[in-house]
Amino acid sequence: MAAQRSSRAISYLQLAAAAFLLAVIAFGAINLLWEQEYAEPRVSVLGSGDRLSALITSGHARVLLATGNDPAAAANALGRVRHPTLPRLDVLIAAGEGIELAVPASLAGNPDTRLDLAISPIEGEYAAQLGGARTVSSPRVLDLPDGMTVTLENATVSSATGGAAWRVTVQRGNSRVILLSNGDDAGLFPPAGTPNVLVVAGANPLDGWGEYPAPLLAFGDAALAPDDLRDSVDTDADGPDWAVRVFPGEAVSFRFTSGAVEADPSAAVRLVPDLTPSGGTGSP
């Protein structure tokens, strides 16, 4: 009887060891897939309340542009694109002023973040929480792996808010995504040509598109009413070909490919008739 119990105990131990080994292998495989996904050059736009933030990744580099008034929504959106085993951020960039700094303030001081920067000087109620953020000179270029660059620019006066304005240009080869504080801030910066994607973090996205007529325009849900968007695209010359509306707590990714920027097809809405022979969606 003692021998049978001992044999049965050994079998249970062997079964437990095998199950543990399989779990480790499966976890390692999942983590490897997550790392490979993170390594792809992309810009993930995050609904952060009344503003849009963005997680920029390429190779091993992870840069978070943070702005907005709703830290919970920003955290939910970030959780959709940042996997639990990969919490590290190389750079946190605070953008905006006043209540727009609530989101970066909620992320400041995180031990998983290596460097805190600010596009414009930090003042007001969140200055203490963001006191460790270093204000960058304009323009400031961050070099990421795989040929990705992130250029940070600021202007002293935003035409929409009377405060700080900013522009962030993410480029790889000839492909670019421009992120802009408010649409009517576009004229405060030097000409930048036409990007593949224009992301307006705050108000008046169509004004920004007038300066940077990108094939795809991304904006926050509260920034533009659906009727106003439809009215802007009576013809192809009046507005963007594609639109992405980002809701608080949601995330939409734009992936850099060879000579193009691909949008999540489930999030992009075509605004003008597709005249290509194949009827395919293509890439901006």
C-alpha atoms as a PDB file:
ATOM      1  CA  MET A   1       0.000   0.000   0.000  1.00  0.00           C
ATOM      2  CA  ALA A   2       2.820   2.414   0.905  1.00  0.00           C
ATOM      3  CA  ALA A   3       4.504   1.676  -2.436  1.00  0.00           C
ATOM      4  CA  GLN A   4       1.240   2.387  -4.321  1.00  0.00           C
ATOM      5  CA  ARG A   5       0.783   5.727  -2.505  1.00  0.00           C
ATOM      6  CA  SER A   6       4.391   6.654  -3.225  1.00  0.00           C
ATOM      7  CA  SER A   7       3.989   5.793  -6.922  1.00  0.00           C
ATOM      8  CA  ARG A   8       0.764   7.782  -7.103  1.00  0.00           C
ATOM      9  CA  ALA A   9       2.435  10.787  -5.435  1.00  0.00           C
ATOM     10  CA  ILE A  10       5.296  10.653  -7.935  1.00  0.00           C
ATOM     11  CA  SER A  11       2.772  10.585 -10.793  1.00  0.00           C
ATOM     12  CA  TYR A  12       1.021  13.661  -9.431  1.00  0.00           C
ATOM     13  CA  LEU A  13       4.348  15.447  -9.100  1.00  0.00           C
ATOM     14  CA  GLN A  14       5.290  14.522 -12.653  1.00  0.00           C
ATOM     15  CA  LEU A  15       1.914  15.735 -13.930  1.00  0.00           C
ATOM     16  CA  ALA A  16       2.266  19.017 -12.017  1.00  0.00           C
ATOM     17  CA  ALA A  17       5.813  19.484 -13.316  1.00  0.00           C
ATOM     18  CA  ALA A  18       4.697  18.841 -16.897  1.00  0.00           C
ATOM     19  CA  ALA A  19       1.787  21.272 -16.557  1.00  0.00           C
ATOM     20  CA  PHE A  20       4.098  23.926 -15.112  1.00  0.00           C
ATOM     21  CA  LEU A  21       6.593  23.415 -17.939  1.00  0.00           C
ATOM     22  CA  LEU A  22       3.847  23.746 -20.564  1.00  0.00           C
ATOM     23  CA  ALA A  23       2.579  26.907 -18.892  1.00  0.00           C
ATOM     24  CA  VAL A  24       6.087  28.414 -18.907  1.00  0.00           C
ATOM     25  CA  ILE A  25       6.534  27.547 -22.585  1.00  0.00           C
ATOM     26  CA  ALA A  26       3.127  28.983 -23.508  1.00  0.00           C
ATOM     27  CA  PHE A  27       3.759  32.157 -21.499  1.00  0.00           C
ATOM     28  CA  GLY A  28       7.171  32.560 -23.111  1.00  0.00           C
ATOM     29  CA  ALA A  29       5.697  32.133 -26.590  1.00  0.00           C
ATOM     30  CA  ILE A  30       2.960  34.704 -25.888  1.00  0.00           C
ATOM     31  CA  ASN A  31       5.492  37.146 -24.471  1.00  0.00           C
ATOM     32  CA  LEU A  32       7.690  36.687 -27.560  1.00  0.00           C
ATOM     33  CA  LEU A  33       4.735  37.458 -29.821  1.00  0.00           C
ATOM     34  CA  TRP A  34       3.979  40.574 -27.778  1.00  0.00           C
ATOM     35  CA  GLU A  35       7.597  41.721 -28.070  1.00  0.00           C
ATOM     36  CA  GLN A  36       7.522  41.194 -31.846  1.00  0.00           C
ATOM     37  CA  GLU A  37       4.299  43.195 -32.099  1.00  0.00           C
ATOM     38  CA  TYR A  38       5.813  45.984 -30.007  1.00  0.00           C
ATOM     39  CA  ALA A  39       8.886  46.034 -32.248  1.00  0.00           C
ATOM     40  CA  GLU A  40       6.842  46.968 -35.339  1.00  0.00           C
ATOM     41  CA  PRO A  41       7.096  50.712 -36.069  1.00  0.00           C
ATOM     42  CA  ARG A  42       3.703  52.159 -35.221  1.00  0.00           C
ATOM     43  CA  VAL A  43       1.773  55.016 -33.657  1.00  0.00           C
ATOM     44  CA  SER A  44      -1.103  53.984 -31.400  1.00  0.00           C
ATOM     45  CA  VAL A  45      -3.543  56.838 -30.763  1.00  0.00           C
ATOM     46  CA  LEU A  46      -5.200  56.780 -27.339  1.00  0.00           C
ATOM     47  CA  GLY A  47      -8.500  58.364 -26.318  1.00  0.00           C
ATOM     48  CA  SER A  48      -7.618  60.373 -23.183  1.00  0.00           C
ATOM     49  CA  GLY A  49     -10.836  62.228 -22.467  1.00  0.00           C
ATOM     50  CA  ASP A  50     -11.161  65.385 -24.542  1.00  0.00           C
ATOM     51  CA  ARG A  51      -7.684  64.911 -26.056  1.00  0.00           C
ATOM     52  CA  LEU A  52      -5.687  62.218 -27.831  1.00  0.00           C
ATOM     53  CA  SER A  53      -2.433  60.763 -26.542  1.00  0.00           C
ATOM     54  CA  ALA A  54      -0.144  58.438 -28.522  1.00  0.00           C
ATOM     55  CA  LEU A  55       2.187  55.514 -27.864  1.00  0.00           C
ATOM     56  CA  ILE A  56       5.033  55.454 -30.404  1.00  0.00           C
ATOM     57  CA  THR A  57       6.968  52.182 -30.678  1.00  0.00           C
ATOM     58  CA  SER A  58       9.781  50.952 -32.904  1.00  0.00           C
ATOM     59  CA  GLY A  59      12.208  48.148 -32.144  1.00  0.00           C
ATOM     60  CA  HIS A  60      12.886  48.229 -28.417  1.00  0.00           C
ATOM     61  CA  ALA A  61      11.910  51.922 -28.040  1.00  0.00           C
ATOM     62  CA  ARG A  62       8.647  53.066 -26.445  1.00  0.00           C
ATOM     63  CA  VAL A  63       7.669  56.736 -26.322  1.00  0.00           C
ATOM     64  CA  LEU A  64       4.397  57.962 -24.844  1.00  0.00           C
ATOM     65  CA  LEU A  65       3.011  61.381 -25.789  1.00  0.00           C
ATOM     66  CA  ALA A  66       0.533  62.114 -22.996  1.00  0.00           C
ATOM     67  CA  THR A  67      -2.159  64.783 -22.839  1.00  0.00           C
ATOM     68  CA  GLY A  68      -5.790  64.916 -21.757  1.00  0.00           C
ATOM     69  CA  ASN A  69      -8.182  65.408 -18.865  1.00  0.00           C
ATOM     70  CA  ASP A  70      -9.188  61.788 -18.138  1.00  0.00           C
ATOM     71  CA  PRO A  71      -6.448  59.592 -16.613  1.00  0.00           C
ATOM     72  CA  ALA A  72      -8.795  56.581 -16.326  1.00  0.00           C
ATOM     73  CA  ALA A  73      -9.673  56.698 -20.036  1.00  0.00           C
ATOM     74  CA  ALA A  74      -6.002  57.105 -20.937  1.00  0.00           C
ATOM     75  CA  ALA A  75      -5.055  54.131 -18.762  1.00  0.00           C
ATOM     76  CA  ASN A  76      -7.742  51.973 -20.373  1.00  0.00           C
ATOM     77  CA  ALA A  77      -6.600  52.972 -23.865  1.00  0.00           C
ATOM     78  CA  LEU A  78      -2.959  52.362 -23.008  1.00  0.00           C
ATOM     79  CA  GLY A  79      -3.862  48.966 -21.577  1.00  0.00           C
ATOM     80  CA  ARG A  80      -5.261  47.969 -24.974  1.00  0.00           C
ATOM     81  CA  VAL A  81      -1.873  48.369 -26.665  1.00  0.00           C
ATOM     82  CA  ARG A  82       0.652  47.908 -23.832  1.00  0.00           C
ATOM     83  CA  HIS A  83       0.930  44.304 -22.690  1.00  0.00           C
ATOM     84  CA  PRO A  84       1.193  43.519 -18.946  1.00  0.00           C
ATOM     85  CA  THR A  85       4.624  41.889 -19.198  1.00  0.00           C
ATOM     86  CA  LEU A  86       6.061  44.884 -21.090  1.00  0.00           C
ATOM     87  CA  PRO A  87       5.342  47.907 -18.854  1.00  0.00           C
ATOM     88  CA  ARG A  88       8.561  49.817 -19.589  1.00  0.00           C
ATOM     89  CA  LEU A  89       8.437  53.258 -21.193  1.00  0.00           C
ATOM     90  CA  ASP A  90      11.616  54.876 -22.427  1.00  0.00           C
ATOM     91  CA  VAL A  91      10.214  58.405 -22.616  1.00  0.00           C
ATOM     92  CA  LEU A  92       7.070  60.066 -21.250  1.00  0.00           C
ATOM     93  CA  ILE A  93       6.343  63.361 -23.038  1.00  0.00           C
ATOM     94  CA  ALA A  94       3.908  65.717 -21.312  1.00  0.00           C
ATOM     95  CA  ALA A  95       1.961  67.990 -23.667  1.00  0.00           C
ATOM     96  CA  GLY A  96      -0.609  70.688 -23.093  1.00  0.00           C
ATOM     97  CA  GLU A  97      -1.473  72.891 -20.146  1.00  0.00           C
ATOM     98  CA  GLY A  98      -4.047  73.176 -17.376  1.00  0.00           C
ATOM     99  CA  ILE A  99      -6.427  70.231 -17.170  1.00  0.00           C
ATOM    100  CA  GLU A 100      -4.766  68.729 -20.262  1.00  0.00           C
ATOM    101  CA  LEU A 101      -1.849  67.817 -17.975  1.00  0.00           C
ATOM    102  CA  ALA A 102      -4.000  65.529 -15.791  1.00  0.00           C
ATOM    103  CA  VAL A 103      -3.056  62.487 -17.897  1.00  0.00           C
ATOM    104  CA  PRO A 104       0.727  63.017 -17.947  1.00  0.00           C
ATOM    105  CA  ALA A 105       0.640  63.914 -14.243  1.00  0.00           C
ATOM    106  CA  SER A 106      -1.019  60.571 -13.496  1.00  0.00           C
ATOM    107  CA  LEU A 107       1.859  58.792 -15.274  1.00  0.00           C
ATOM    108  CA  ALA A 108       4.754  60.865 -13.943  1.00  0.00           C
ATOM    109  CA  GLY A 109       7.174  59.290 -11.495  1.00  0.00           C
ATOM    110  CA  ASN A 110       6.436  55.742 -12.667  1.00  0.00           C
ATOM    111  CA  PRO A 111       9.508  53.551 -12.015  1.00  0.00           C
ATOM    112  CA  ASP A 112       8.903  51.858 -15.383  1.00  0.00           C
ATOM    113  CA  THR A 113       9.579  55.173 -17.171  1.00  0.00           C
ATOM    114  CA  ARG A 114      13.199  56.103 -17.871  1.00  0.00           C
ATOM    115  CA  LEU A 115      12.866  59.785 -18.865  1.00  0.00           C
ATOM    116  CA  ASP A 116      10.180  62.458 -18.423  1.00  0.00           C
ATOM    117  CA  LEU A 117      10.067  65.323 -20.933  1.00  0.00           C
ATOM    118  CA  ALA A 118       7.708  68.249 -21.545  1.00  0.00           C
ATOM    119  CA  ILE A 119       7.084  69.866 -24.917  1.00  0.00           C
ATOM    120  CA  SER A 120       6.297  73.214 -23.242  1.00  0.00           C
ATOM    121  CA  PRO A 121       7.064  74.603 -19.756  1.00  0.00           C
ATOM    122  CA  ILE A 122       4.843  73.092 -17.066  1.00  0.00           C
ATOM    123  CA  GLU A 123       2.837  75.539 -14.945  1.00  0.00           C
ATOM    124  CA  GLY A 124      -0.263  75.440 -12.771  1.00  0.00           C
ATOM    125  CA  GLU A 125      -1.745  72.782 -10.500  1.00  0.00           C
ATOM    126  CA  TYR A 126       0.161  69.851 -12.022  1.00  0.00           C
ATOM    127  CA  ALA A 127       3.582  71.513 -11.899  1.00  0.00           C
ATOM    128  CA  ALA A 128       4.571  69.712  -8.698  1.00  0.00           C
ATOM    129  CA  GLN A 129       3.711  66.262 -10.058  1.00  0.00           C
ATOM    130  CA  LEU A 130       5.508  66.977 -13.323  1.00  0.00           C
ATOM    131  CA  GLY A 131       8.382  68.850 -11.729  1.00  0.00           C
ATOM    132  CA  GLY A 132      10.864  66.210 -12.854  1.00  0.00           C
ATOM    133  CA  ALA A 133       9.964  66.636 -16.529  1.00  0.00           C
ATOM    134  CA  ARG A 134      12.619  68.440 -18.532  1.00  0.00           C
ATOM    135  CA  THR A 135      11.332  70.988 -21.074  1.00  0.00           C
ATOM    136  CA  VAL A 136      12.822  70.261 -24.474  1.00  0.00           C
ATOM    137  CA  SER A 137      14.197  72.773 -26.931  1.00  0.00           C
ATOM    138  CA  SER A 138      12.219  73.201 -30.158  1.00  0.00           C
ATOM    139  CA  PRO A 139      12.701  71.378 -32.412  1.00  0.00           C
ATOM    140  CA  ARG A 140      13.956  68.286 -30.585  1.00  0.00           C
ATOM    141  CA  VAL A 141      14.525  65.051 -32.519  1.00  0.00           C
ATOM    142  CA  LEU A 142      14.397  61.613 -30.887  1.00  0.00           C
ATOM    143  CA  ASP A 143      16.042  58.835 -32.899  1.00  0.00           C
ATOM    144  CA  LEU A 144      14.344  55.450 -32.507  1.00  0.00           C
ATOM    145  CA  PRO A 145      15.432  52.067 -33.897  1.00  0.00           C
ATOM    146  CA  ASP A 146      14.531  50.924 -37.425  1.00  0.00           C
ATOM    147  CA  GLY A 147      14.915  54.409 -38.904  1.00  0.00           C
ATOM    148  CA  MET A 148      12.077  56.035 -36.942  1.00  0.00           C
ATOM    149  CA  THR A 149      12.396  59.662 -35.809  1.00  0.00           C
ATOM    150  CA  VAL A 150      10.143  61.693 -33.507  1.00  0.00           C
ATOM    151  CA  THR A 151      10.398  65.484 -33.864  1.00  0.00           C
ATOM    152  CA  LEU A 152       8.952  67.636 -31.061  1.00  0.00           C
ATOM    153  CA  GLU A 153       8.076  71.287 -31.721  1.00  0.00           C
ATOM    154  CA  ASN A 154       6.315  73.940 -29.669  1.00  0.00           C
ATOM    155  CA  ALA A 155       4.902  77.398 -30.301  1.00  0.00           C
ATOM    156  CA  THR A 156       4.277  80.036 -27.683  1.00  0.00           C
ATOM    157  CA  VAL A 157       0.614  80.726 -28.431  1.00  0.00           C
ATOM    158  CA  SER A 158      -2.147  78.360 -29.487  1.00  0.00           C
ATOM    159  CA  SER A 159      -4.781  80.052 -31.601  1.00  0.00           C
ATOM    160  CA  ALA A 160      -7.455  77.824 -30.030  1.00  0.00           C
ATOM    161  CA  THR A 161      -6.630  78.112 -26.336  1.00  0.00           C
ATOM    162  CA  GLY A 162      -4.278  81.081 -26.044  1.00  0.00           C
ATOM    163  CA  GLY A 163      -1.680  78.756 -24.500  1.00  0.00           C
ATOM    164  CA  ALA A 164       0.970  76.328 -25.632  1.00  0.00           C
ATOM    165  CA  ALA A 165       0.773  74.718 -29.078  1.00  0.00           C
ATOM    166  CA  TRP A 166       2.738  71.697 -30.198  1.00  0.00           C
ATOM    167  CA  ARG A 167       3.427  69.468 -33.183  1.00  0.00           C
ATOM    168  CA  VAL A 168       4.956  65.986 -33.142  1.00  0.00           C
ATOM    169  CA  THR A 169       6.127  64.422 -36.395  1.00  0.00           C
ATOM    170  CA  VAL A 170       6.784  60.684 -36.500  1.00  0.00           C
ATOM    171  CA  GLN A 171       8.682  59.688 -39.631  1.00  0.00           C
ATOM    172  CA  ARG A 172      10.164  56.531 -41.124  1.00  0.00           C
ATOM    173  CA  GLY A 173      11.537  56.832 -44.632  1.00  0.00           C
ATOM    174  CA  ASN A 174       9.059  58.841 -46.679  1.00  0.00           C
ATOM    175  CA  SER A 175       6.108  57.962 -44.425  1.00  0.00           C
ATOM    176  CA  ARG A 176       4.931  60.384 -41.753  1.00  0.00           C
ATOM    177  CA  VAL A 177       2.307  60.786 -39.072  1.00  0.00           C
ATOM    178  CA  ILE A 178       1.796  64.322 -37.746  1.00  0.00           C
ATOM    179  CA  LEU A 179       0.205  64.864 -34.334  1.00  0.00           C
ATOM    180  CA  LEU A 180      -1.042  68.383 -33.676  1.00  0.00           C
ATOM    181  CA  SER A 181      -2.295  70.081 -30.495  1.00  0.00           C
ATOM    182  CA  ASN A 182      -5.301  71.766 -32.170  1.00  0.00           C
ATOM    183  CA  GLY A 183      -6.287  72.024 -35.799  1.00  0.00           C
ATOM    184  CA  ASP A 184      -5.961  75.802 -35.998  1.00  0.00           C
ATOM    185  CA  ASP A 185      -2.458  75.620 -34.519  1.00  0.00           C
ATOM    186  CA  ALA A 186      -1.125  74.213 -37.801  1.00  0.00           C
ATOM    187  CA  GLY A 187      -0.169  77.640 -39.177  1.00  0.00           C
ATOM    188  CA  LEU A 188       2.064  78.349 -36.175  1.00  0.00           C
ATOM    189  CA  PHE A 189       4.692  75.899 -37.426  1.00  0.00           C
ATOM    190  CA  PRO A 190       6.949  75.776 -40.493  1.00  0.00           C
ATOM    191  CA  PRO A 191       5.538  73.967 -43.549  1.00  0.00           C
ATOM    192  CA  ALA A 192       5.791  70.215 -43.240  1.00  0.00           C
ATOM    193  CA  GLY A 193       4.291  68.851 -46.438  1.00  0.00           C
ATOM    194  CA  THR A 194       1.491  66.308 -46.595  1.00  0.00           C
ATOM    195  CA  PRO A 195       1.661  63.440 -44.086  1.00  0.00           C
ATOM    196  CA  ASN A 196       0.128  59.992 -44.540  1.00  0.00           C
ATOM    197  CA  VAL A 197      -1.936  60.514 -41.386  1.00  0.00           C
ATOM    198  CA  LEU A 198      -2.864  63.673 -39.477  1.00  0.00           C
ATOM    199  CA  VAL A 199      -3.854  63.227 -35.839  1.00  0.00           C
ATOM    200  CA  VAL A 200      -5.434  66.285 -34.190  1.00  0.00           C
ATOM    201  CA  ALA A 201      -5.297  65.840 -30.433  1.00  0.00           C
ATOM    202  CA  GLY A 202      -7.762  68.600 -29.610  1.00  0.00           C
ATOM    203  CA  ALA A 203     -10.179  70.959 -31.327  1.00  0.00           C
ATOM    204  CA  ASN A 204     -10.877  71.944 -34.934  1.00  0.00           C
ATOM    205  CA  PRO A 205      -9.449  68.923 -36.780  1.00  0.00           C
ATOM    206  CA  LEU A 206     -10.689  70.090 -40.202  1.00  0.00           C
ATOM    207  CA  ASP A 207      -8.706  73.338 -39.842  1.00  0.00           C
ATOM    208  CA  GLY A 208      -5.596  71.227 -39.336  1.00  0.00           C
ATOM    209  CA  TRP A 209      -6.446  69.142 -42.387  1.00  0.00           C
ATOM    210  CA  GLY A 210      -6.603  72.351 -44.432  1.00  0.00           C
ATOM    211  CA  GLU A 211      -2.899  72.896 -43.678  1.00  0.00           C
ATOM    212  CA  TYR A 212      -1.892  69.211 -43.851  1.00  0.00           C
ATOM    213  CA  PRO A 213      -4.301  67.517 -46.308  1.00  0.00           C
ATOM    214  CA  ALA A 214      -3.485  63.952 -45.311  1.00  0.00           C
ATOM    215  CA  PRO A 215      -5.418  61.046 -46.855  1.00  0.00           C
ATOM    216  CA  LEU A 216      -6.483  60.062 -43.317  1.00  0.00           C
ATOM    217  CA  LEU A 217      -7.582  62.350 -40.488  1.00  0.00           C
ATOM    218  CA  ALA A 218      -7.812  61.062 -36.895  1.00  0.00           C
ATOM    219  CA  PHE A 219      -9.514  63.036 -34.122  1.00  0.00           C
ATOM    220  CA  GLY A 220     -11.269  62.659 -30.797  1.00  0.00           C
ATOM    221  CA  ASP A 221     -14.970  61.935 -30.579  1.00  0.00           C
ATOM    222  CA  ALA A 222     -15.865  65.322 -29.081  1.00  0.00           C
ATOM    223  CA  ALA A 223     -13.786  67.314 -31.584  1.00  0.00           C
ATOM    224  CA  LEU A 224     -16.023  66.974 -34.638  1.00  0.00           C
ATOM    225  CA  ALA A 225     -19.715  66.219 -35.087  1.00  0.00           C
ATOM    226  CA  PRO A 226     -20.563  63.524 -37.674  1.00  0.00           C
ATOM    227  CA  ASP A 227     -22.689  65.987 -39.679  1.00  0.00           C
ATOM    228  CA  ASP A 228     -19.797  68.460 -39.881  1.00  0.00           C
ATOM    229  CA  LEU A 229     -17.518  65.722 -41.132  1.00  0.00           C
ATOM    230  CA  ARG A 230     -19.995  64.626 -43.791  1.00  0.00           C
ATOM    231  CA  ASP A 231     -20.521  68.221 -44.907  1.00  0.00           C
ATOM    232  CA  SER A 232     -16.778  68.642 -45.394  1.00  0.00           C
ATOM    233  CA  VAL A 233     -16.446  65.887 -47.984  1.00  0.00           C
ATOM    234  CA  ASP A 234     -19.013  66.717 -50.647  1.00  0.00           C
ATOM    235  CA  THR A 235     -16.127  66.292 -53.082  1.00  0.00           C
ATOM    236  CA  ASP A 236     -12.708  64.689 -52.776  1.00  0.00           C
ATOM    237  CA  ALA A 237     -11.129  68.144 -52.599  1.00  0.00           C
ATOM    238  CA  ASP A 238     -13.120  69.200 -49.543  1.00  0.00           C
ATOM    239  CA  GLY A 239     -11.839  66.752 -46.958  1.00  0.00           C
ATOM    240  CA  PRO A 240      -9.858  63.620 -46.185  1.00  0.00           C
ATOM    241  CA  ASP A 241     -10.427  60.291 -47.920  1.00  0.00           C
ATOM    242  CA  TRP A 242     -10.521  58.440 -44.600  1.00  0.00           C
ATOM    243  CA  ALA A 243     -11.432  59.353 -41.038  1.00  0.00           C
ATOM    244  CA  VAL A 244     -10.770  57.708 -37.688  1.00  0.00           C
ATOM    245  CA  ARG A 245     -12.855  58.832 -34.713  1.00  0.00           C
ATOM    246  CA  VAL A 246     -11.191  57.848 -31.420  1.00  0.00           C
ATOM    247  CA  PHE A 247     -13.388  57.529 -28.341  1.00  0.00           C
ATOM    248  CA  PRO A 248     -12.187  57.956 -24.732  1.00  0.00           C
ATOM    249  CA  GLY A 249     -10.613  54.736 -23.506  1.00  0.00           C
ATOM    250  CA  GLU A 250     -10.106  53.383 -27.033  1.00  0.00           C
ATOM    251  CA  ALA A 251      -6.883  52.877 -28.989  1.00  0.00           C
ATOM    252  CA  VAL A 252      -6.300  52.881 -32.749  1.00  0.00           C
ATOM    253  CA  SER A 253      -2.944  51.890 -34.242  1.00  0.00           C
ATOM    254  CA  PHE A 254      -1.236  53.111 -37.410  1.00  0.00           C
ATOM    255  CA  ARG A 255       1.510  50.784 -38.600  1.00  0.00           C
ATOM    256  CA  PHE A 256       4.440  51.908 -40.736  1.00  0.00           C
ATOM    257  CA  THR A 257       5.028  49.618 -43.702  1.00  0.00           C
ATOM    258  CA  SER A 258       7.177  49.969 -46.791  1.00  0.00           C
ATOM    259  CA  GLY A 259       6.281  53.389 -48.169  1.00  0.00           C
ATOM    260  CA  ALA A 260       2.919  53.635 -46.399  1.00  0.00           C
ATOM    261  CA  VAL A 261       1.092  53.865 -43.096  1.00  0.00           C
ATOM    262  CA  GLU A 262      -1.614  51.258 -42.541  1.00  0.00           C
ATOM    263  CA  ALA A 263      -4.648  52.006 -40.400  1.00  0.00           C
ATOM    264  CA  ASP A 264      -6.727  49.545 -38.437  1.00  0.00           C
ATOM    265  CA  PRO A 265      -9.420  48.674 -41.035  1.00  0.00           C
ATOM    266  CA  SER A 266     -12.062  48.267 -38.345  1.00  0.00           C
ATOM    267  CA  ALA A 267     -11.568  51.883 -37.204  1.00  0.00           C
ATOM    268  CA  ALA A 268     -11.115  53.747 -40.499  1.00  0.00           C
ATOM    269  CA  VAL A 269     -14.183  55.048 -42.329  1.00  0.00           C
ATOM    270  CA  ARG A 270     -13.955  55.896 -46.026  1.00  0.00           C
ATOM    271  CA  LEU A 271     -15.466  59.294 -46.784  1.00  0.00           C
ATOM    272  CA  VAL A 272     -15.278  59.432 -50.587  1.00  0.00           C
ATOM    273  CA  PRO A 273     -16.091  56.773 -53.200  1.00  0.00           C
ATOM    274  CA  ASP A 274     -13.325  54.259 -53.837  1.00  0.00           C
ATOM    275  CA  LEU A 275     -12.476  54.560 -57.533  1.00  0.00           C
ATOM    276  CA  THR A 276      -9.711  51.960 -57.598  1.00  0.00           C
ATOM    277  CA  PRO A 277     -10.429  49.040 -59.999  1.00  0.00           C
ATOM    278  CA  SER A 278     -10.117  46.456 -57.257  1.00  0.00           C
ATOM    279  CA  GLY A 279     -12.278  48.345 -54.819  1.00  0.00           C
ATOM    280  CA  GLY A 280      -9.662  47.755 -52.116  1.00  0.00           C
ATOM    281  CA  THR A 281      -9.084  50.074 -49.197  1.00  0.00           C
ATOM    282  CA  GLY A 282      -5.362  50.626 -49.733  1.00  0.00           C
ATOM    283  CA  SER A 283      -3.126  52.512 -47.312  1.00  0.00           C
ATOM    284  CA  PRO A 284      -2.702  56.240 -46.766  1.00  0.00           C
END
